[in-house]
Amino acid sequence: MGTATILVVEDNRLNMKLVRDVLEFAGYDVVEAVTGEEGVELALGLLPDLVLMDLQLPGIDGTEALRRIQMSAGEALMPVVAVTASAMATDREAAALAGFDGFLEKPINVRALPAQVASFLVGPS
């Protein structure tokens, strides 16, 4: 198996740079999108191994982007993980109900991120 490709959908430049730098240092290939629409297009076109999807995006939000990916490609195509600064229990529940495969809180823990990504790539045990 080759290097995993991670699609990061994030509209904040600094957050994108942080996540990209950490994941590339950990050996992942990173593809970037800054809007929900661009995220959907890249997810369906590239079929990355994992999508990290910010929930608050310009245009369509992360939940709508996930819905469009699932409608076009099916739920099991690739894991899609919600990334948000809203980290209350209700936010986790809403993300799970929407169909996200996981949940990451902002600010991103750079030490934990590579292991978190690896766990999403392995899938639920």
C-alpha atoms as a PDB file:
ATOM      1  CA  MET A   1       0.000   0.000   0.000  1.00  0.00           C
ATOM      2  CA  GLY A   2       1.340   3.437  -0.897  1.00  0.00           C
ATOM      3  CA  THR A   3       1.152   6.734   0.895  1.00  0.00           C
ATOM      4  CA  ALA A   4      -2.353   7.709   1.981  1.00  0.00           C
ATOM      5  CA  THR A   5      -3.897  10.790   0.403  1.00  0.00           C
ATOM      6  CA  ILE A   6      -5.743  13.124   2.757  1.00  0.00           C
ATOM      7  CA  LEU A   7      -8.146  15.762   1.433  1.00  0.00           C
ATOM      8  CA  VAL A   8      -8.291  18.713   3.831  1.00  0.00           C
ATOM      9  CA  VAL A   9     -11.299  21.007   3.339  1.00  0.00           C
ATOM     10  CA  GLU A  10     -10.554  24.159   5.330  1.00  0.00           C
ATOM     11  CA  ASP A  11     -11.117  27.841   4.530  1.00  0.00           C
ATOM     12  CA  ASN A  12      -8.747  29.269   7.143  1.00  0.00           C
ATOM     13  CA  ARG A  13      -5.260  29.635   5.611  1.00  0.00           C
ATOM     14  CA  LEU A  14      -3.408  29.244   8.906  1.00  0.00           C
ATOM     15  CA  ASN A  15      -5.361  26.132   9.909  1.00  0.00           C
ATOM     16  CA  MET A  16      -4.785  24.665   6.444  1.00  0.00           C
ATOM     17  CA  LYS A  17      -1.049  25.306   6.628  1.00  0.00           C
ATOM     18  CA  LEU A  18      -0.794  23.765  10.085  1.00  0.00           C
ATOM     19  CA  VAL A  19      -2.674  20.602   9.120  1.00  0.00           C
ATOM     20  CA  ARG A  20      -0.858  20.295   5.780  1.00  0.00           C
ATOM     21  CA  ASP A  21       2.573  20.717   7.356  1.00  0.00           C
ATOM     22  CA  VAL A  22       1.898  18.187  10.127  1.00  0.00           C
ATOM     23  CA  LEU A  23       0.412  15.583   7.777  1.00  0.00           C
ATOM     24  CA  GLU A  24       3.098  15.976   5.122  1.00  0.00           C
ATOM     25  CA  PHE A  25       5.801  15.644   7.797  1.00  0.00           C
ATOM     26  CA  ALA A  26       4.052  12.426   8.914  1.00  0.00           C
ATOM     27  CA  GLY A  27       4.318  11.104   5.335  1.00  0.00           C
ATOM     28  CA  TYR A  28       0.839  11.729   3.967  1.00  0.00           C
ATOM     29  CA  ASP A  29      -0.012  13.277   0.608  1.00  0.00           C
ATOM     30  CA  VAL A  30      -2.261  16.296   1.236  1.00  0.00           C
ATOM     31  CA  VAL A  31      -4.770  17.780  -1.192  1.00  0.00           C
ATOM     32  CA  GLU A  32      -6.418  21.087  -0.262  1.00  0.00           C
ATOM     33  CA  ALA A  33      -9.878  22.565  -0.809  1.00  0.00           C
ATOM     34  CA  VAL A  34     -11.144  25.854   0.601  1.00  0.00           C
ATOM     35  CA  THR A  35     -14.902  25.567  -0.056  1.00  0.00           C
ATOM     36  CA  GLY A  36     -17.447  22.832   0.442  1.00  0.00           C
ATOM     37  CA  GLU A  37     -18.138  22.703  -3.285  1.00  0.00           C
ATOM     38  CA  GLU A  38     -14.445  22.282  -4.082  1.00  0.00           C
ATOM     39  CA  GLY A  39     -14.223  19.604  -1.390  1.00  0.00           C
ATOM     40  CA  VAL A  40     -17.062  17.613  -2.963  1.00  0.00           C
ATOM     41  CA  GLU A  41     -15.502  17.894  -6.428  1.00  0.00           C
ATOM     42  CA  LEU A  42     -12.068  16.761  -5.226  1.00  0.00           C
ATOM     43  CA  ALA A  43     -13.455  13.977  -3.024  1.00  0.00           C
ATOM     44  CA  LEU A  44     -15.419  12.491  -5.915  1.00  0.00           C
ATOM     45  CA  GLY A  45     -12.687  13.073  -8.497  1.00  0.00           C
ATOM     46  CA  LEU A  46      -9.626  11.974  -6.536  1.00  0.00           C
ATOM     47  CA  LEU A  47     -11.151   9.429  -4.139  1.00  0.00           C
ATOM     48  CA  PRO A  48      -8.727  10.244  -1.306  1.00  0.00           C
ATOM     49  CA  ASP A  49      -8.150   7.799   1.530  1.00  0.00           C
ATOM     50  CA  LEU A  50      -9.598  10.254   4.071  1.00  0.00           C
ATOM     51  CA  VAL A  51     -11.354  13.627   4.092  1.00  0.00           C
ATOM     52  CA  LEU A  52     -10.915  16.104   6.958  1.00  0.00           C
ATOM     53  CA  MET A  53     -13.940  18.401   6.556  1.00  0.00           C
ATOM     54  CA  ASP A  54     -14.315  21.721   8.353  1.00  0.00           C
ATOM     55  CA  LEU A  55     -17.974  22.172   9.262  1.00  0.00           C
ATOM     56  CA  GLN A  56     -18.119  25.945   8.748  1.00  0.00           C
ATOM     57  CA  LEU A  57     -17.175  26.783   5.170  1.00  0.00           C
ATOM     58  CA  PRO A  58     -18.071  29.457   2.626  1.00  0.00           C
ATOM     59  CA  GLY A  59     -20.786  28.302   0.246  1.00  0.00           C
ATOM     60  CA  ILE A  60     -22.116  24.943   1.360  1.00  0.00           C
ATOM     61  CA  ASP A  61     -21.111  23.847   4.850  1.00  0.00           C
ATOM     62  CA  GLY A  62     -19.297  20.633   5.725  1.00  0.00           C
ATOM     63  CA  THR A  63     -22.478  18.727   6.526  1.00  0.00           C
ATOM     64  CA  GLU A  64     -23.996  19.548   3.131  1.00  0.00           C
ATOM     65  CA  ALA A  65     -20.696  18.659   1.438  1.00  0.00           C
ATOM     66  CA  LEU A  66     -20.761  15.271   3.187  1.00  0.00           C
ATOM     67  CA  ARG A  67     -24.373  14.722   2.082  1.00  0.00           C
ATOM     68  CA  ARG A  68     -23.437  15.438  -1.545  1.00  0.00           C
ATOM     69  CA  ILE A  69     -20.455  13.074  -1.393  1.00  0.00           C
ATOM     70  CA  GLN A  70     -22.636  10.328   0.060  1.00  0.00           C
ATOM     71  CA  MET A  71     -25.406  10.896  -2.506  1.00  0.00           C
ATOM     72  CA  SER A  72     -22.944  10.634  -5.379  1.00  0.00           C
ATOM     73  CA  ALA A  73     -20.653   7.924  -4.126  1.00  0.00           C
ATOM     74  CA  GLY A  74     -22.173   6.072  -1.191  1.00  0.00           C
ATOM     75  CA  GLU A  75     -21.349   6.214   2.497  1.00  0.00           C
ATOM     76  CA  ALA A  76     -18.530   3.672   2.519  1.00  0.00           C
ATOM     77  CA  LEU A  77     -16.441   5.282  -0.221  1.00  0.00           C
ATOM     78  CA  MET A  78     -14.002   7.048   2.118  1.00  0.00           C
ATOM     79  CA  PRO A  79     -14.069   8.124   5.737  1.00  0.00           C
ATOM     80  CA  VAL A  80     -15.047  11.762   6.225  1.00  0.00           C
ATOM     81  CA  VAL A  81     -14.122  13.341   9.558  1.00  0.00           C
ATOM     82  CA  ALA A  82     -15.731  16.522  10.886  1.00  0.00           C
ATOM     83  CA  VAL A  83     -13.323  19.227  12.041  1.00  0.00           C
ATOM     84  CA  THR A  84     -14.706  22.101  14.103  1.00  0.00           C
ATOM     85  CA  ALA A  85     -14.089  24.548  16.907  1.00  0.00           C
ATOM     86  CA  SER A  86     -17.588  23.748  18.204  1.00  0.00           C
ATOM     87  CA  ALA A  87     -16.721  20.799  20.403  1.00  0.00           C
ATOM     88  CA  MET A  88     -19.702  20.353  22.700  1.00  0.00           C
ATOM     89  CA  ALA A  89     -21.256  16.905  23.141  1.00  0.00           C
ATOM     90  CA  THR A  90     -24.231  17.989  21.021  1.00  0.00           C
ATOM     91  CA  ASP A  91     -21.862  18.915  18.167  1.00  0.00           C
ATOM     92  CA  ARG A  92     -20.306  15.433  18.279  1.00  0.00           C
ATOM     93  CA  GLU A  93     -23.764  13.865  18.245  1.00  0.00           C
ATOM     94  CA  ALA A  94     -24.904  16.038  15.333  1.00  0.00           C
ATOM     95  CA  ALA A  95     -21.791  15.111  13.341  1.00  0.00           C
ATOM     96  CA  ALA A  96     -22.356  11.399  14.006  1.00  0.00           C
ATOM     97  CA  LEU A  97     -26.028  11.668  13.038  1.00  0.00           C
ATOM     98  CA  ALA A  98     -25.048  13.489   9.822  1.00  0.00           C
ATOM     99  CA  GLY A  99     -22.873  10.500   8.910  1.00  0.00           C
ATOM    100  CA  PHE A 100     -19.360  11.703   9.691  1.00  0.00           C
ATOM    101  CA  ASP A 101     -16.943   8.895  10.504  1.00  0.00           C
ATOM    102  CA  GLY A 102     -15.186  10.853  13.237  1.00  0.00           C
ATOM    103  CA  PHE A 103     -14.735  14.201  14.905  1.00  0.00           C
ATOM    104  CA  LEU A 104     -11.672  16.393  15.485  1.00  0.00           C
ATOM    105  CA  GLU A 105     -11.690  19.502  17.642  1.00  0.00           C
ATOM    106  CA  LYS A 106      -9.970  22.781  16.848  1.00  0.00           C
ATOM    107  CA  PRO A 107      -7.489  23.912  17.769  1.00  0.00           C
ATOM    108  CA  ILE A 108      -5.816  20.885  16.219  1.00  0.00           C
ATOM    109  CA  ASN A 109      -3.458  19.011  18.531  1.00  0.00           C
ATOM    110  CA  VAL A 110      -0.410  18.741  16.257  1.00  0.00           C
ATOM    111  CA  ARG A 111       1.170  15.984  18.351  1.00  0.00           C
ATOM    112  CA  ALA A 112      -1.972  13.839  18.219  1.00  0.00           C
ATOM    113  CA  LEU A 113      -3.034  14.542  14.616  1.00  0.00           C
ATOM    114  CA  PRO A 114      -0.917  11.917  12.797  1.00  0.00           C
ATOM    115  CA  ALA A 115      -2.150   9.129  15.112  1.00  0.00           C
ATOM    116  CA  GLN A 116      -5.735  10.374  14.852  1.00  0.00           C
ATOM    117  CA  VAL A 117      -5.523  10.321  11.059  1.00  0.00           C
ATOM    118  CA  ALA A 118      -3.983   6.847  11.128  1.00  0.00           C
ATOM    119  CA  SER A 119      -6.864   5.592  13.295  1.00  0.00           C
ATOM    120  CA  PHE A 120      -9.437   6.947  10.830  1.00  0.00           C
ATOM    121  CA  LEU A 121      -7.616   5.236   7.963  1.00  0.00           C
ATOM    122  CA  VAL A 122      -7.736   1.872   9.772  1.00  0.00           C
ATOM    123  CA  GLY A 123     -11.447   2.279  10.455  1.00  0.00           C
ATOM    124  CA  PRO A 124     -13.560   1.266  13.417  1.00  0.00           C
ATOM    125  CA  SER A 125     -12.387  -1.776  15.297  1.00  0.00           C
END
